C-alpha atoms as a PDB file:
ATOM      1  CA  MET A   1       8.773  10.805   8.911  1.00  0.00           C
ATOM      2  CA  ASP A   2       8.819   7.117  10.359  1.00  0.00           C
ATOM      3  CA  PHE A   3       5.853   5.199  10.650  1.00  0.00           C
ATOM      4  CA  ARG A   4       4.711   1.752  12.038  1.00  0.00           C
ATOM      5  CA  THR A   5       1.163   0.206  11.775  1.00  0.00           C
ATOM      6  CA  THR A   6      -0.096  -3.369  12.190  1.00  0.00           C
ATOM      7  CA  ASP A   7      -3.452  -4.629  10.704  1.00  0.00           C
ATOM      8  CA  THR A   8      -5.034  -7.850  11.074  1.00  0.00           C
ATOM      9  CA  PHE A   9      -6.599 -10.304   8.305  1.00  0.00           C
ATOM     10  CA  ARG A  10      -9.429 -12.675   9.225  1.00  0.00           C
ATOM     11  CA  ALA A  11      -7.513 -15.381   6.785  1.00  0.00           C
ATOM     12  CA  ASP A  12      -4.974 -17.427   7.268  1.00  0.00           C
ATOM     13  CA  LEU A  13      -1.405 -16.632   6.464  1.00  0.00           C
ATOM     14  CA  ASP A  14      -0.881 -18.302   3.153  1.00  0.00           C
ATOM     15  CA  THR A  15      -4.313 -17.559   2.084  1.00  0.00           C
ATOM     16  CA  VAL A  16      -3.603 -13.614   2.372  1.00  0.00           C
ATOM     17  CA  LEU A  17      -0.004 -14.213   0.666  1.00  0.00           C
ATOM     18  CA  ASP A  18      -1.821 -15.985  -1.798  1.00  0.00           C
ATOM     19  CA  ALA A  19      -4.157 -12.807  -2.396  1.00  0.00           C
ATOM     20  CA  TYR A  20      -1.098 -10.656  -2.732  1.00  0.00           C
ATOM     21  CA  ALA A  21       0.410 -12.884  -5.283  1.00  0.00           C
ATOM     22  CA  ASP A  22      -2.838 -12.576  -7.291  1.00  0.00           C
ATOM     23  CA  ALA A  23      -2.668 -10.254 -10.479  1.00  0.00           C
ATOM     24  CA  ALA A  24      -6.237  -9.374 -10.064  1.00  0.00           C
ATOM     25  CA  LEU A  25      -6.277  -7.938  -6.587  1.00  0.00           C
ATOM     26  CA  ALA A  26      -5.039  -4.393  -7.063  1.00  0.00           C
ATOM     27  CA  HIS A  27      -7.817  -4.215  -9.840  1.00  0.00           C
ATOM     28  CA  ASP A  28     -10.686  -5.705  -8.182  1.00  0.00           C
ATOM     29  CA  LEU A  29     -10.158  -3.910  -4.744  1.00  0.00           C
ATOM     30  CA  GLY A  30     -11.063  -0.656  -6.521  1.00  0.00           C
ATOM     31  CA  PRO A  31     -10.422   2.775  -4.985  1.00  0.00           C
ATOM     32  CA  LEU A  32      -9.720   2.707  -1.278  1.00  0.00           C
ATOM     33  CA  THR A  33      -9.632   6.026   0.606  1.00  0.00           C
ATOM     34  CA  PRO A  34      -7.609   8.072   0.283  1.00  0.00           C
ATOM     35  CA  LEU A  35      -6.089   6.641  -2.794  1.00  0.00           C
ATOM     36  CA  SER A  36      -7.428   5.683  -6.430  1.00  0.00           C
ATOM     37  CA  ALA A  37      -8.009   2.349  -7.756  1.00  0.00           C
ATOM     38  CA  GLY A  38      -4.827   0.579  -8.277  1.00  0.00           C
ATOM     39  CA  GLU A  39      -3.574   0.064 -11.911  1.00  0.00           C
ATOM     40  CA  VAL A  40      -1.163  -3.009 -12.281  1.00  0.00           C
ATOM     41  CA  ALA A  41       1.941  -1.898 -14.437  1.00  0.00           C
ATOM     42  CA  GLU A  42       3.774  -4.564 -14.135  1.00  0.00           C
ATOM     43  CA  GLN A  43       3.923  -7.993 -12.329  1.00  0.00           C
ATOM     44  CA  SER A  44       6.304 -11.079 -12.389  1.00  0.00           C
ATOM     45  CA  ARG A  45       7.204 -14.170 -10.645  1.00  0.00           C
ATOM     46  CA  ASP A  46      10.665 -15.483  -9.794  1.00  0.00           C
ATOM     47  CA  ASP A  47      10.391 -18.544  -7.708  1.00  0.00           C
ATOM     48  CA  ASP A  48       8.997 -17.080  -4.399  1.00  0.00           C
ATOM     49  CA  VAL A  49       9.261 -13.664  -5.042  1.00  0.00           C
ATOM     50  CA  ILE A  50       6.308 -11.812  -6.561  1.00  0.00           C
ATOM     51  CA  HIS A  51       7.303  -8.339  -7.965  1.00  0.00           C
ATOM     52  CA  ILE A  52       4.348  -5.986  -8.604  1.00  0.00           C
ATOM     53  CA  GLU A  53       4.208  -2.249  -9.796  1.00  0.00           C
ATOM     54  CA  VAL A  54       1.015  -0.794  -9.064  1.00  0.00           C
ATOM     55  CA  ARG A  55       0.055   3.072 -10.117  1.00  0.00           C
ATOM     56  CA  TYR A  56      -2.090   5.230  -7.429  1.00  0.00           C
ATOM     57  CA  ARG A  57      -3.123   8.713  -7.222  1.00  0.00           C
ATOM     58  CA  TYR A  58      -3.243  10.267  -3.670  1.00  0.00           C
ATOM     59  CA  GLN A  59      -7.218  11.622  -3.245  1.00  0.00           C
ATOM     60  CA  GLY A  60      -6.934  13.021   0.221  1.00  0.00           C
ATOM     61  CA  ASP A  61      -6.885  16.436   1.569  1.00  0.00           C
ATOM     62  CA  LEU A  62      -3.458  18.308   1.597  1.00  0.00           C
ATOM     63  CA  PRO A  63      -2.563  21.115   4.427  1.00  0.00           C
ATOM     64  CA  PRO A  64      -3.464  24.641   3.523  1.00  0.00           C
ATOM     65  CA  GLY A  65      -0.775  26.209   1.353  1.00  0.00           C
ATOM     66  CA  ALA A  66       0.279  23.000   0.234  1.00  0.00           C
ATOM     67  CA  ASP A  67      -1.298  23.075  -3.073  1.00  0.00           C
ATOM     68  CA  LYS A  68       0.735  26.361  -3.790  1.00  0.00           C
ATOM     69  CA  LEU A  69       3.743  24.070  -3.785  1.00  0.00           C
ATOM     70  CA  VAL A  70       2.569  20.921  -4.984  1.00  0.00           C
ATOM     71  CA  ASP A  71      -0.284  20.110  -7.668  1.00  0.00           C
ATOM     72  CA  PRO A  72      -2.609  17.549  -6.056  1.00  0.00           C
ATOM     73  CA  ARG A  73      -3.484  16.255  -9.550  1.00  0.00           C
ATOM     74  CA  LEU A  74       0.075  15.157 -10.002  1.00  0.00           C
ATOM     75  CA  LEU A  75       0.446  13.214  -6.671  1.00  0.00           C
ATOM     76  CA  THR A  76       0.589   9.831  -8.452  1.00  0.00           C
ATOM     77  CA  TRP A  77       3.188   7.137  -8.130  1.00  0.00           C
ATOM     78  CA  VAL A  78       3.868   3.606  -8.852  1.00  0.00           C
ATOM     79  CA  LEU A  79       4.119   1.376  -5.869  1.00  0.00           C
ATOM     80  CA  VAL A  80       6.952  -1.273  -6.506  1.00  0.00           C
ATOM     81  CA  SER A  81       6.467  -4.481  -4.233  1.00  0.00           C
ATOM     82  CA  ASP A  82       8.755  -7.392  -3.806  1.00  0.00           C
ATOM     83  CA  LEU A  83       6.886 -10.050  -2.114  1.00  0.00           C
ATOM     84  CA  ASP A  84       8.997 -12.936  -0.815  1.00  0.00           C
ATOM     85  CA  LEU A  85       6.405 -15.768  -0.060  1.00  0.00           C
ATOM     86  CA  LYS A  86       9.250 -17.537   1.953  1.00  0.00           C
ATOM     87  CA  LEU A  87      10.337 -14.693   3.973  1.00  0.00           C
ATOM     88  CA  ARG A  88       6.744 -13.719   4.478  1.00  0.00           C
ATOM     89  CA  GLN A  89       7.876  -9.922   3.921  1.00  0.00           C
ATOM     90  CA  SER A  90       7.213  -7.299   1.284  1.00  0.00           C
ATOM     91  CA  SER A  91       9.610  -4.530   0.617  1.00  0.00           C
ATOM     92  CA  LEU A  92       7.760  -1.564  -0.906  1.00  0.00           C
ATOM     93  CA  VAL A  93       9.304   1.573  -2.725  1.00  0.00           C
ATOM     94  CA  LEU A  94       6.899   4.664  -3.620  1.00  0.00           C
ATOM     95  CA  LYS A  95       8.180   5.834  -7.161  1.00  0.00           C
ATOM     96  CA  PRO A  96       6.427   9.435  -7.786  1.00  0.00           C
ATOM     97  CA  ASP A  97       5.630  10.009 -11.515  1.00  0.00           C
ATOM     98  CA  HIS A  98       6.244  13.905 -10.519  1.00  0.00           C
ATOM     99  CA  TYR A  99       8.239  15.438  -7.635  1.00  0.00           C
ATOM    100  CA  ALA A 100      10.627  12.663  -7.559  1.00  0.00           C
ATOM    101  CA  ASP A 101      12.988  15.163  -5.976  1.00  0.00           C
ATOM    102  CA  ARG A 102      10.378  16.146  -3.357  1.00  0.00           C
ATOM    103  CA  LEU A 103       9.006  12.748  -2.245  1.00  0.00           C
ATOM    104  CA  ARG A 104      10.480   9.538  -0.988  1.00  0.00           C
ATOM    105  CA  ALA A 105       8.905   6.663   0.611  1.00  0.00           C
ATOM    106  CA  ARG A 106      10.082   3.037   1.482  1.00  0.00           C
ATOM    107  CA  ALA A 107       8.327   0.397   3.868  1.00  0.00           C
ATOM    108  CA  VAL A 108       8.595  -3.300   4.718  1.00  0.00           C
ATOM    109  CA  GLU A 109       5.684  -5.256   5.525  1.00  0.00           C
ATOM    110  CA  THR A 110       5.765  -8.577   7.459  1.00  0.00           C
ATOM    111  CA  PHE A 111       3.142 -11.181   7.707  1.00  0.00           C
ATOM    112  CA  GLU A 112       2.726 -13.472  10.468  1.00  0.00           C
ATOM    113  CA  PRO A 113       0.000 -16.061  11.604  1.00  0.00           C
ATOM    114  CA  SER A 114      -1.972 -14.541  14.419  1.00  0.00           C
ATOM    115  CA  PRO A 115      -3.104 -16.761  17.639  1.00  0.00           C
ATOM    116  CA  ASP A 116      -6.716 -16.789  16.334  1.00  0.00           C
ATOM    117  CA  GLY A 117      -5.837 -18.357  12.885  1.00  0.00           C
ATOM    118  CA  GLY A 118      -5.853 -15.171  10.800  1.00  0.00           C
ATOM    119  CA  THR A 119      -2.851 -13.104   9.740  1.00  0.00           C
ATOM    120  CA  VAL A 120      -1.066  -9.760  11.249  1.00  0.00           C
ATOM    121  CA  ARG A 121       0.435  -7.628   8.725  1.00  0.00           C
ATOM    122  CA  THR A 122       3.201  -5.146  10.270  1.00  0.00           C
ATOM    123  CA  THR A 123       4.300  -2.364   8.112  1.00  0.00           C
ATOM    124  CA  GLU A 124       7.276  -0.082   9.266  1.00  0.00           C
ATOM    125  CA  GLY A 125       8.714   2.602   6.949  1.00  0.00           C
ATOM    126  CA  ARG A 126       9.707   5.982   6.223  1.00  0.00           C
ATOM    127  CA  LEU A 127       8.338   8.956   4.199  1.00  0.00           C
ATOM    128  CA  ALA A 128       9.900  12.147   3.353  1.00  0.00           C
ATOM    129  CA  VAL A 129       8.920  15.268   1.830  1.00  0.00           C
ATOM    130  CA  HIS A 130      11.120  18.213   0.524  1.00  0.00           C
ATOM    131  CA  VAL A 131       8.798  21.024  -0.013  1.00  0.00           C
ATOM    132  CA  LEU A 132       9.447  24.446   1.831  1.00  0.00           C
ATOM    133  CA  LEU A 133       7.586  25.481   4.906  1.00  0.00           C
ATOM    134  CA  VAL A 134       5.039  22.496   4.698  1.00  0.00           C
ATOM    135  CA  ALA A 135       7.356  19.499   4.438  1.00  0.00           C
ATOM    136  CA  LYS A 136       6.253  18.307   7.802  1.00  0.00           C
ATOM    137  CA  ALA A 137       2.489  19.237   7.661  1.00  0.00           C
ATOM    138  CA  VAL A 138       2.281  17.215   4.048  1.00  0.00           C
ATOM    139  CA  GLU A 139       4.169  14.072   5.758  1.00  0.00           C
ATOM    140  CA  ARG A 140       2.031  14.097   8.290  1.00  0.00           C
ATOM    141  CA  ALA A 141      -1.119  14.264   5.866  1.00  0.00           C
ATOM    142  CA  LEU A 142       0.328  11.443   3.726  1.00  0.00           C
ATOM    143  CA  VAL A 143       1.649   9.178   6.391  1.00  0.00           C
ATOM    144  CA  SER A 144      -2.123   9.503   8.005  1.00  0.00           C
ATOM    145  CA  GLY A 145      -3.511   8.652   4.392  1.00  0.00           C
ATOM    146  CA  LEU A 146      -1.332   5.958   3.950  1.00  0.00           C
ATOM    147  CA  VAL A 147      -2.120   4.317   7.612  1.00  0.00           C
ATOM    148  CA  GLU A 148      -6.051   4.829   6.454  1.00  0.00           C
ATOM    149  CA  TRP A 149      -5.402   3.145   3.189  1.00  0.00           C
ATOM    150  CA  LEU A 150      -3.526   0.098   4.736  1.00  0.00           C
ATOM    151  CA  THR A 151      -6.208  -0.540   6.910  1.00  0.00           C
ATOM    152  CA  ASN A 152      -8.967  -0.008   4.267  1.00  0.00           C
ATOM    153  CA  GLU A 153      -6.740  -2.341   2.197  1.00  0.00           C
ATOM    154  CA  ALA A 154      -6.904  -5.100   4.920  1.00  0.00           C
ATOM    155  CA  THR A 155     -10.521  -5.116   5.172  1.00  0.00           C
ATOM    156  CA  ALA A 156     -10.921  -4.819   1.601  1.00  0.00           C
ATOM    157  CA  ILE A 157      -8.684  -7.714   0.903  1.00  0.00           C
ATOM    158  CA  ASP A 158     -10.566  -9.927   3.934  1.00  0.00           C
ATOM    159  CA  ALA A 159     -13.923  -9.503   1.775  1.00  0.00           C
ATOM    160  CA  TRP A 160     -12.041 -10.141  -1.653  1.00  0.00           C
ATOM    161  CA  ILE A 161     -10.852 -13.297  -0.185  1.00  0.00           C
ATOM    162  CA  ALA A 162     -14.376 -14.383   1.364  1.00  0.00           C
ATOM    163  CA  GLU A 163     -15.956 -13.564  -1.867  1.00  0.00           C
ATOM    164  CA  ARG A 164     -13.642 -15.814  -3.892  1.00  0.00           C
ATOM    165  CA  SER A 165     -14.040 -18.743  -1.359  1.00  0.00           C
ATOM    166  CA  SER A 166     -17.815 -18.664  -1.149  1.00  0.00           C
ATOM    167  CA  PRO A 167     -19.709 -21.362  -3.192  1.00  0.00           C
ATOM    168  CA  GLY A 168     -20.301 -20.379  -6.892  1.00  0.00           C
ATOM    169  CA  ALA A 169     -17.446 -17.813  -6.960  1.00  0.00           C
END
């Protein structure tokens, strides 16, 4: 299932990209519905490219009957992100800890300045589930959860940036 979503940040483009490059970000944001808090597994930098691997657990609802084919407790993965600061885009690959033969997801995030001085992030990707009988319903649930999480993440990053830039932070 293809998806596309756009989120807006109050902070300017460079500040948003700096936030994504900060190793503390994933941990500091905590859990954002419908995912668990992120646990940074790896982070490195090569010139203008930040490589980050963050582990998540899906905590949202699945369609009726899906739990007979997929154990919701095993819906964990590492989100591998390569953020290119020069190109202002990030490539994302979801690497499941379990069910690697049943779940695949990739996306590209593009960051642009918005006319009001903030930042617009456009995320375009594809998520595919290969589970008999419920694949489309599970794809819809996961994409819906992903879009919700991206919106929640943008709001949380705005708050994180504001907190760090306030006097005494």
